[in-house]
Amino acid sequence: MNMDELLKSTARTLYLSAKFMPKNMGGTFSCAYLICRAADSIADTDLISVDKRIKIIHDYPKMVETNDEGLLQEFKKAIPEKNNLHENERVLLEHIDICLEAFKKLSPLHKKITLNVVNAVCKAMQWDLSYFPESESGLLKASPSSARTELYCEHMGGEPGIFWAKLLLNGKEDSAFTENGKKIGMALQITNILRDLPQDIKIGRIYLPLTDLTSNDLMPQDLLEKKTYKKLKPIIFKWINWGVDNLENAKAFMSGIPRRKFFSRAAVAWPVLWSFDTLLLLASCKNLLDKNKIQKIPKKTIHLTMLASPLYCFSNKVFAKLVDKKAALVREQTGR
């Protein structure tokens, strides 16, 4: 088992992106993603008590930074029994040593930006575990405000976006470029939140703001009923458009990457374009509260986006037009 195999088993689209990155970037990207994904797998399992999960996630960045044997053993002991986790999660958790060894070999700069993103996502996970009810309680709780939802997107998506920007800058400073990376990451996170809405409701979590719900005459428990989607739809559209607004920063971000760096540009463009496609799918969906339907763009769309890369990755103007076209399609669907 190696890093490449671990990434392939846990994230199909990110694996495709990482394969086309320059080697010095792809290795760091894979390492950072897998380290964060392992923490997420522990945070999300209700097979471990909430208090224990909070402690593990609190100690996790230190374990990564210092490779502390005691913390590593505590982490491994917490892995639930076989058959109680998805196989890809189990494989990752049981091979966390591979990720930690890869981290030790990173350059000082890459270690620093990796630790920054690990600290940020672990902070968001601790909030998750402390704020939301336990999944088996049958209770539902919504994020308290729009500011809190945006902050969550910043920690879980924005910080990885900053990581990606700094990886591309390779030690240079460019605050505008980094800010655009942050906004793109936040857009990718809200896309995940909206796509995963019915699955999160099952475990008592609603990342949409309570203030949005109450202003539309809704309470968290109402989202258990599919018939309430008509009232929820304006809130969904609000956050879809918030995602589109942030995704549009990809035009300036792409312009900051030299055209000769085709694979770096492709690795940025693909998740942005797939996010637009997902947001259009969500905006077109008849009822996002239907727990039996998972909203995922088809593999055909993923492959066509990749095959068409030469058409838009060599030209900032063509990429900008493509972004504008996709943004307009989503906004048309939401009535904006």
Protein backbone atom coordinates (compact mmCIF):
# COMPACT_ATOMS: atom_id res chain seq x y z
CA MET A 1 0.00 0.00 0.00
CA ASN A 2 1.32 3.46 -0.91
CA MET A 3 0.06 7.07 -0.97
CA ASP A 4 -1.17 6.78 -4.55
CA GLU A 5 -3.29 3.71 -3.76
CA LEU A 6 -4.66 5.29 -0.59
CA LEU A 7 -5.76 8.41 -2.48
CA LYS A 8 -7.33 6.36 -5.28
CA SER A 9 -9.44 4.42 -2.78
CA THR A 10 -10.73 7.49 -0.93
CA ALA A 11 -11.32 10.26 -3.51
CA ARG A 12 -11.91 9.51 -7.19
CA THR A 13 -11.88 13.09 -8.51
CA LEU A 14 -8.99 14.30 -6.34
CA TYR A 15 -6.99 11.22 -7.33
CA LEU A 16 -7.43 12.19 -10.97
CA SER A 17 -6.33 15.77 -10.21
CA ALA A 18 -3.30 14.65 -8.19
CA LYS A 19 -2.11 12.31 -10.93
CA PHE A 20 -1.65 15.24 -13.28
CA MET A 21 0.09 17.56 -10.83
CA PRO A 22 3.85 18.13 -10.91
CA LYS A 23 5.48 15.50 -8.69
CA ASN A 24 6.66 17.95 -6.00
CA MET A 25 3.11 19.30 -5.66
CA GLY A 26 1.13 16.08 -6.09
CA GLY A 27 2.92 14.32 -3.24
CA THR A 28 2.28 17.16 -0.79
CA PHE A 29 -1.32 17.51 -1.95
CA SER A 30 -1.98 13.78 -1.49
CA CYS A 31 -0.30 13.77 1.92
CA ALA A 32 -2.29 16.75 3.22
CA TYR A 33 -5.60 15.45 1.87
CA LEU A 34 -5.17 11.96 3.31
CA ILE A 35 -4.08 13.27 6.72
CA CYS A 36 -7.19 15.47 6.86
CA ARG A 37 -9.41 12.68 5.54
CA ALA A 38 -8.20 10.29 8.25
CA ALA A 39 -9.14 12.81 10.93
CA ASP A 40 -12.53 13.25 9.28
CA SER A 41 -13.14 9.49 9.33
CA ILE A 42 -12.56 9.41 13.09
CA ALA A 43 -14.64 12.53 13.69
CA ASP A 44 -17.58 11.14 11.71
CA THR A 45 -17.90 7.68 13.24
CA ASP A 46 -20.47 7.29 16.00
CA LEU A 47 -18.74 4.05 17.04
CA ILE A 48 -16.49 6.15 19.29
CA SER A 49 -17.84 8.34 22.09
CA VAL A 50 -18.08 12.06 21.32
CA ASP A 51 -15.73 13.00 24.19
CA LYS A 52 -13.09 10.58 22.93
CA ARG A 53 -13.42 11.84 19.36
CA ILE A 54 -13.03 15.45 20.50
CA LYS A 55 -9.84 14.53 22.37
CA ILE A 56 -8.39 12.61 19.41
CA ILE A 57 -9.13 15.45 16.98
CA HIS A 58 -7.74 18.00 19.46
CA ASP A 59 -4.47 16.04 19.69
CA TYR A 60 -4.34 15.13 16.01
CA PRO A 61 -2.31 18.12 14.65
CA LYS A 62 0.30 17.52 17.37
CA MET A 63 0.46 13.84 16.41
CA VAL A 64 1.07 14.80 12.79
CA GLU A 65 3.69 17.44 13.62
CA THR A 66 5.68 15.45 16.18
CA ASN A 67 4.87 11.86 15.17
CA ASP A 68 4.36 11.27 18.91
CA GLU A 69 4.22 7.50 19.45
CA GLY A 70 1.81 7.73 22.38
CA LEU A 71 -0.69 9.83 20.43
CA LEU A 72 -0.30 7.56 17.40
CA GLN A 73 -1.08 4.47 19.45
CA GLU A 74 -4.09 6.20 21.02
CA PHE A 75 -5.30 7.06 17.52
CA LYS A 76 -4.89 3.47 16.31
CA LYS A 77 -6.65 2.01 19.35
CA ALA A 78 -9.66 4.19 18.56
CA ILE A 79 -10.16 2.65 15.09
CA PRO A 80 -13.49 0.76 15.30
CA GLU A 81 -13.73 -2.99 14.82
CA LYS A 82 -13.65 -4.46 11.34
CA ASN A 83 -16.93 -4.35 9.36
CA ASN A 84 -18.06 -1.22 11.23
CA LEU A 85 -16.43 1.18 8.77
CA HIS A 86 -16.41 1.53 5.01
CA GLU A 87 -13.48 -0.46 3.67
CA ASN A 88 -11.71 2.57 2.16
CA GLU A 89 -11.89 4.41 5.50
CA ARG A 90 -10.52 1.39 7.35
CA VAL A 91 -7.64 1.02 4.90
CA LEU A 92 -6.71 4.69 5.32
CA LEU A 93 -6.88 4.65 9.12
CA GLU A 94 -4.87 1.44 9.37
CA HIS A 95 -2.19 2.92 7.10
CA ILE A 96 -1.97 6.34 8.72
CA ASP A 97 1.74 5.63 9.31
CA ILE A 98 2.32 5.93 5.55
CA CYS A 99 0.84 9.44 5.60
CA LEU A 100 2.87 10.47 8.66
CA GLU A 101 6.08 9.15 7.09
CA ALA A 102 5.30 11.10 3.93
CA PHE A 103 4.76 14.23 6.03
CA LYS A 104 8.19 13.84 7.67
CA LYS A 105 9.82 13.92 4.22
CA LEU A 106 8.14 17.16 3.10
CA SER A 107 10.13 20.37 2.76
CA PRO A 108 9.85 22.88 5.67
CA LEU A 109 7.52 25.08 3.59
CA HIS A 110 5.26 22.17 2.64
CA LYS A 111 5.20 20.96 6.24
CA LYS A 112 4.12 24.41 7.40
CA ILE A 113 1.25 24.82 4.93
CA THR A 114 0.12 21.23 5.55
CA LEU A 115 0.01 21.81 9.31
CA ASN A 116 -1.95 25.03 8.77
CA VAL A 117 -4.67 23.18 6.90
CA VAL A 118 -4.70 20.25 9.36
CA ASN A 119 -5.14 22.67 12.28
CA ALA A 120 -7.98 24.49 10.50
CA VAL A 121 -10.01 21.42 9.56
CA CYS A 122 -9.50 19.89 13.01
CA LYS A 123 -10.83 23.11 14.55
CA ALA A 124 -13.96 22.78 12.37
CA MET A 125 -14.34 19.10 13.32
CA GLN A 126 -14.13 19.94 17.03
CA TRP A 127 -16.91 22.49 16.53
CA ASP A 128 -18.97 19.84 14.73
CA LEU A 129 -18.61 17.41 17.61
CA SER A 130 -19.20 20.00 20.33
CA TYR A 131 -22.13 21.82 18.70
CA PHE A 132 -24.26 19.21 16.97
CA PRO A 133 -26.23 16.49 18.82
CA GLU A 134 -25.09 12.87 18.79
CA SER A 135 -26.38 11.09 15.70
CA GLU A 136 -28.35 8.47 17.63
CA SER A 137 -30.20 11.14 19.68
CA GLY A 138 -32.77 11.74 16.95
CA LEU A 139 -32.32 15.50 17.40
CA LEU A 140 -31.61 18.03 14.68
CA LYS A 141 -29.64 21.24 15.02
CA ALA A 142 -28.83 23.95 12.48
CA SER A 143 -25.82 26.25 12.27
CA PRO A 144 -26.67 29.33 14.37
CA SER A 145 -26.04 32.00 11.73
CA SER A 146 -24.81 32.77 8.22
CA ALA A 147 -21.52 33.98 9.72
CA ARG A 148 -21.00 30.59 11.39
CA THR A 149 -21.80 28.72 8.15
CA GLU A 150 -19.32 30.90 6.27
CA LEU A 151 -16.68 30.39 8.97
CA TYR A 152 -17.18 26.63 8.74
CA CYS A 153 -16.72 26.84 4.96
CA GLU A 154 -13.58 28.90 5.56
CA HIS A 155 -12.05 26.32 7.87
CA MET A 156 -13.06 23.24 5.88
CA GLY A 157 -12.69 24.65 2.37
CA GLY A 158 -11.05 28.07 2.50
CA GLU A 159 -7.95 26.92 4.36
CA PRO A 160 -7.40 24.05 1.90
CA GLY A 161 -7.78 26.69 -0.84
CA ILE A 162 -5.07 28.77 0.80
CA PHE A 163 -2.94 25.63 1.06
CA TRP A 164 -3.37 25.05 -2.68
CA ALA A 165 -2.51 28.68 -3.50
CA LYS A 166 0.66 28.58 -1.38
CA LEU A 167 1.62 25.27 -2.93
CA LEU A 168 1.47 26.93 -6.34
CA LEU A 169 3.30 30.07 -5.15
CA ASN A 170 6.13 27.92 -3.74
CA GLY A 171 7.37 30.44 -1.19
CA LYS A 172 6.35 33.64 -3.00
CA GLU A 173 3.83 36.05 -1.50
CA ASP A 174 0.68 37.08 -3.36
CA SER A 175 -2.21 38.02 -1.08
CA ALA A 176 -4.75 38.44 -3.90
CA PHE A 177 -3.91 35.03 -5.36
CA THR A 178 -4.15 33.43 -1.91
CA GLU A 179 -7.48 35.15 -1.19
CA ASN A 180 -8.89 33.86 -4.48
CA GLY A 181 -7.76 30.35 -3.54
CA LYS A 182 -9.56 30.73 -0.22
CA LYS A 183 -12.82 31.80 -1.89
CA ILE A 184 -12.68 28.92 -4.37
CA GLY A 185 -12.18 26.50 -1.47
CA MET A 186 -15.16 27.97 0.37
CA ALA A 187 -17.28 27.49 -2.75
CA LEU A 188 -16.24 23.85 -3.02
CA GLN A 189 -17.21 23.35 0.63
CA ILE A 190 -20.69 24.87 0.30
CA THR A 191 -21.18 22.62 -2.74
CA ASN A 192 -20.38 19.61 -0.52
CA ILE A 193 -22.72 20.88 2.21
CA LEU A 194 -25.65 21.30 -0.18
CA ARG A 195 -25.02 17.99 -1.92
CA ASP A 196 -24.79 16.12 1.38
CA LEU A 197 -27.80 17.82 3.00
CA PRO A 198 -30.04 14.70 3.29
CA GLN A 199 -27.17 12.54 4.61
CA ASP A 200 -26.22 15.18 7.20
CA ILE A 201 -29.84 15.49 8.33
CA LYS A 202 -29.77 11.77 9.10
CA ILE A 203 -27.04 12.39 11.69
CA GLY A 204 -28.62 15.51 13.17
CA ARG A 205 -26.57 18.16 11.36
CA ILE A 206 -27.83 21.07 9.27
CA TYR A 207 -25.04 23.39 8.16
CA LEU A 208 -27.56 25.89 6.78
CA PRO A 209 -28.18 28.77 9.21
CA LEU A 210 -31.05 28.63 11.70
CA THR A 211 -31.66 32.31 10.95
CA ASP A 212 -32.32 31.40 7.30
CA LEU A 213 -34.71 28.64 8.33
CA THR A 214 -36.73 30.74 10.76
CA SER A 215 -37.01 33.63 8.28
CA ASN A 216 -38.69 31.13 5.94
CA ASP A 217 -41.00 29.78 8.65
CA LEU A 218 -38.98 26.60 9.15
CA MET A 219 -37.40 24.81 12.09
CA PRO A 220 -34.71 22.12 11.87
CA GLN A 221 -37.16 19.24 12.49
CA ASP A 222 -39.24 20.39 9.51
CA LEU A 223 -36.44 19.26 7.19
CA LEU A 224 -37.28 15.65 8.02
CA GLU A 225 -40.33 16.03 5.77
CA LYS A 226 -39.84 16.18 2.00
CA LYS A 227 -42.92 18.35 1.63
CA THR A 228 -41.14 21.28 3.30
CA TYR A 229 -38.69 21.60 0.41
CA LYS A 230 -40.79 24.32 -1.20
CA LYS A 231 -40.05 26.58 1.77
CA LEU A 232 -36.42 25.48 1.89
CA LYS A 233 -35.74 26.09 -1.79
CA PRO A 234 -35.05 29.86 -1.50
CA ILE A 235 -32.41 29.11 1.15
CA ILE A 236 -30.82 26.45 -1.06
CA PHE A 237 -30.76 28.90 -3.97
CA LYS A 238 -29.24 31.61 -1.75
CA TRP A 239 -26.29 29.36 -0.87
CA ILE A 240 -25.95 27.99 -4.39
CA ASN A 241 -25.54 31.57 -5.61
CA TRP A 242 -23.09 32.29 -2.78
CA GLY A 243 -21.07 29.34 -4.06
CA VAL A 244 -21.23 30.62 -7.65
CA ASP A 245 -20.10 34.11 -6.57
CA ASN A 246 -17.06 32.61 -4.87
CA LEU A 247 -16.31 30.18 -7.70
CA GLU A 248 -16.05 33.09 -10.13
CA ASN A 249 -12.76 34.01 -8.44
CA ALA A 250 -11.33 31.05 -10.35
CA LYS A 251 -10.96 33.33 -13.39
CA ALA A 252 -8.45 35.58 -11.61
CA PHE A 253 -6.85 32.60 -9.87
CA MET A 254 -6.23 30.82 -13.17
CA SER A 255 -4.73 33.99 -14.63
CA GLY A 256 -2.15 33.88 -11.84
CA ILE A 257 -0.84 30.47 -12.97
CA PRO A 258 1.56 30.57 -15.94
CA ARG A 259 0.02 29.08 -19.10
CA ARG A 260 2.99 26.77 -19.53
CA LYS A 261 2.02 24.98 -16.31
CA PHE A 262 -0.74 23.05 -18.02
CA PHE A 263 -1.17 20.32 -15.41
CA SER A 264 -1.27 22.77 -12.50
CA ARG A 265 -3.92 24.76 -14.34
CA ALA A 266 -5.91 21.62 -15.10
CA ALA A 267 -5.77 20.53 -11.44
CA VAL A 268 -7.35 23.90 -10.52
CA ALA A 269 -9.87 24.00 -13.35
CA TRP A 270 -11.34 20.52 -12.91
CA PRO A 271 -12.74 20.82 -9.36
CA VAL A 272 -14.04 24.32 -10.18
CA LEU A 273 -15.90 23.12 -13.28
CA TRP A 274 -17.18 20.00 -11.50
CA SER A 275 -18.44 22.22 -8.69
CA PHE A 276 -20.36 24.37 -11.20
CA ASP A 277 -21.85 21.19 -12.68
CA THR A 278 -22.83 19.97 -9.22
CA LEU A 279 -24.44 23.29 -8.29
CA LEU A 280 -26.46 23.20 -11.52
CA LEU A 281 -27.55 19.67 -10.66
CA LEU A 282 -28.58 20.80 -7.16
CA ALA A 283 -30.44 23.84 -8.49
CA SER A 284 -32.33 21.61 -10.93
CA CYS A 285 -33.16 18.95 -8.35
CA LYS A 286 -36.86 18.60 -7.55
CA ASN A 287 -36.27 17.82 -3.89
CA LEU A 288 -32.90 17.82 -2.11
CA LEU A 289 -34.59 16.42 1.02
CA ASP A 290 -35.10 13.07 -0.70
CA LYS A 291 -32.74 10.81 1.24
CA ASN A 292 -32.92 8.09 -1.41
CA LYS A 293 -31.32 10.17 -4.14
CA ILE A 294 -27.66 11.16 -4.01
CA GLN A 295 -26.89 14.10 -6.29
CA LYS A 296 -23.65 13.31 -8.11
CA ILE A 297 -22.45 14.40 -11.50
CA PRO A 298 -22.00 11.38 -13.81
CA LYS A 299 -18.60 9.94 -14.61
CA LYS A 300 -19.18 10.91 -18.23
CA THR A 301 -19.19 14.60 -17.23
CA ILE A 302 -15.96 14.12 -15.27
CA HIS A 303 -14.22 12.46 -18.20
CA LEU A 304 -15.46 14.98 -20.77
CA THR A 305 -14.19 17.85 -18.61
CA MET A 306 -10.78 16.22 -18.51
CA LEU A 307 -10.70 15.43 -22.21
CA ALA A 308 -11.58 19.03 -23.08
CA SER A 309 -8.75 20.43 -20.93
CA PRO A 310 -6.58 21.63 -23.86
CA LEU A 311 -9.48 23.80 -25.05
CA TYR A 312 -9.57 25.91 -21.87
CA CYS A 313 -6.37 25.31 -19.91
CA PHE A 314 -4.07 27.10 -22.35
CA SER A 315 -6.23 30.22 -22.54
CA ASN A 316 -7.33 32.48 -19.68
CA LYS A 317 -9.95 34.04 -21.98
CA VAL A 318 -11.51 30.69 -22.92
CA PHE A 319 -11.52 29.52 -19.31
CA ALA A 320 -13.15 32.79 -18.19
CA LYS A 321 -15.86 32.41 -20.84
CA LEU A 322 -16.50 28.83 -19.72
CA VAL A 323 -16.81 29.94 -16.09
CA ASP A 324 -19.18 32.77 -17.09
CA LYS A 325 -21.31 30.35 -19.12
CA LYS A 326 -21.60 27.83 -16.30
CA ALA A 327 -22.30 30.56 -13.73
CA ALA A 328 -25.07 31.96 -15.94
CA LEU A 329 -26.68 28.52 -16.29
CA VAL A 330 -26.78 28.06 -12.52
CA ARG A 331 -28.14 31.57 -11.90
CA GLU A 332 -30.78 31.08 -14.58
CA GLN A 333 -31.92 27.92 -12.81
CA THR A 334 -32.15 29.75 -9.46
CA GLY A 335 -33.96 32.70 -11.00
CA ARG A 336 -31.24 35.18 -10.11
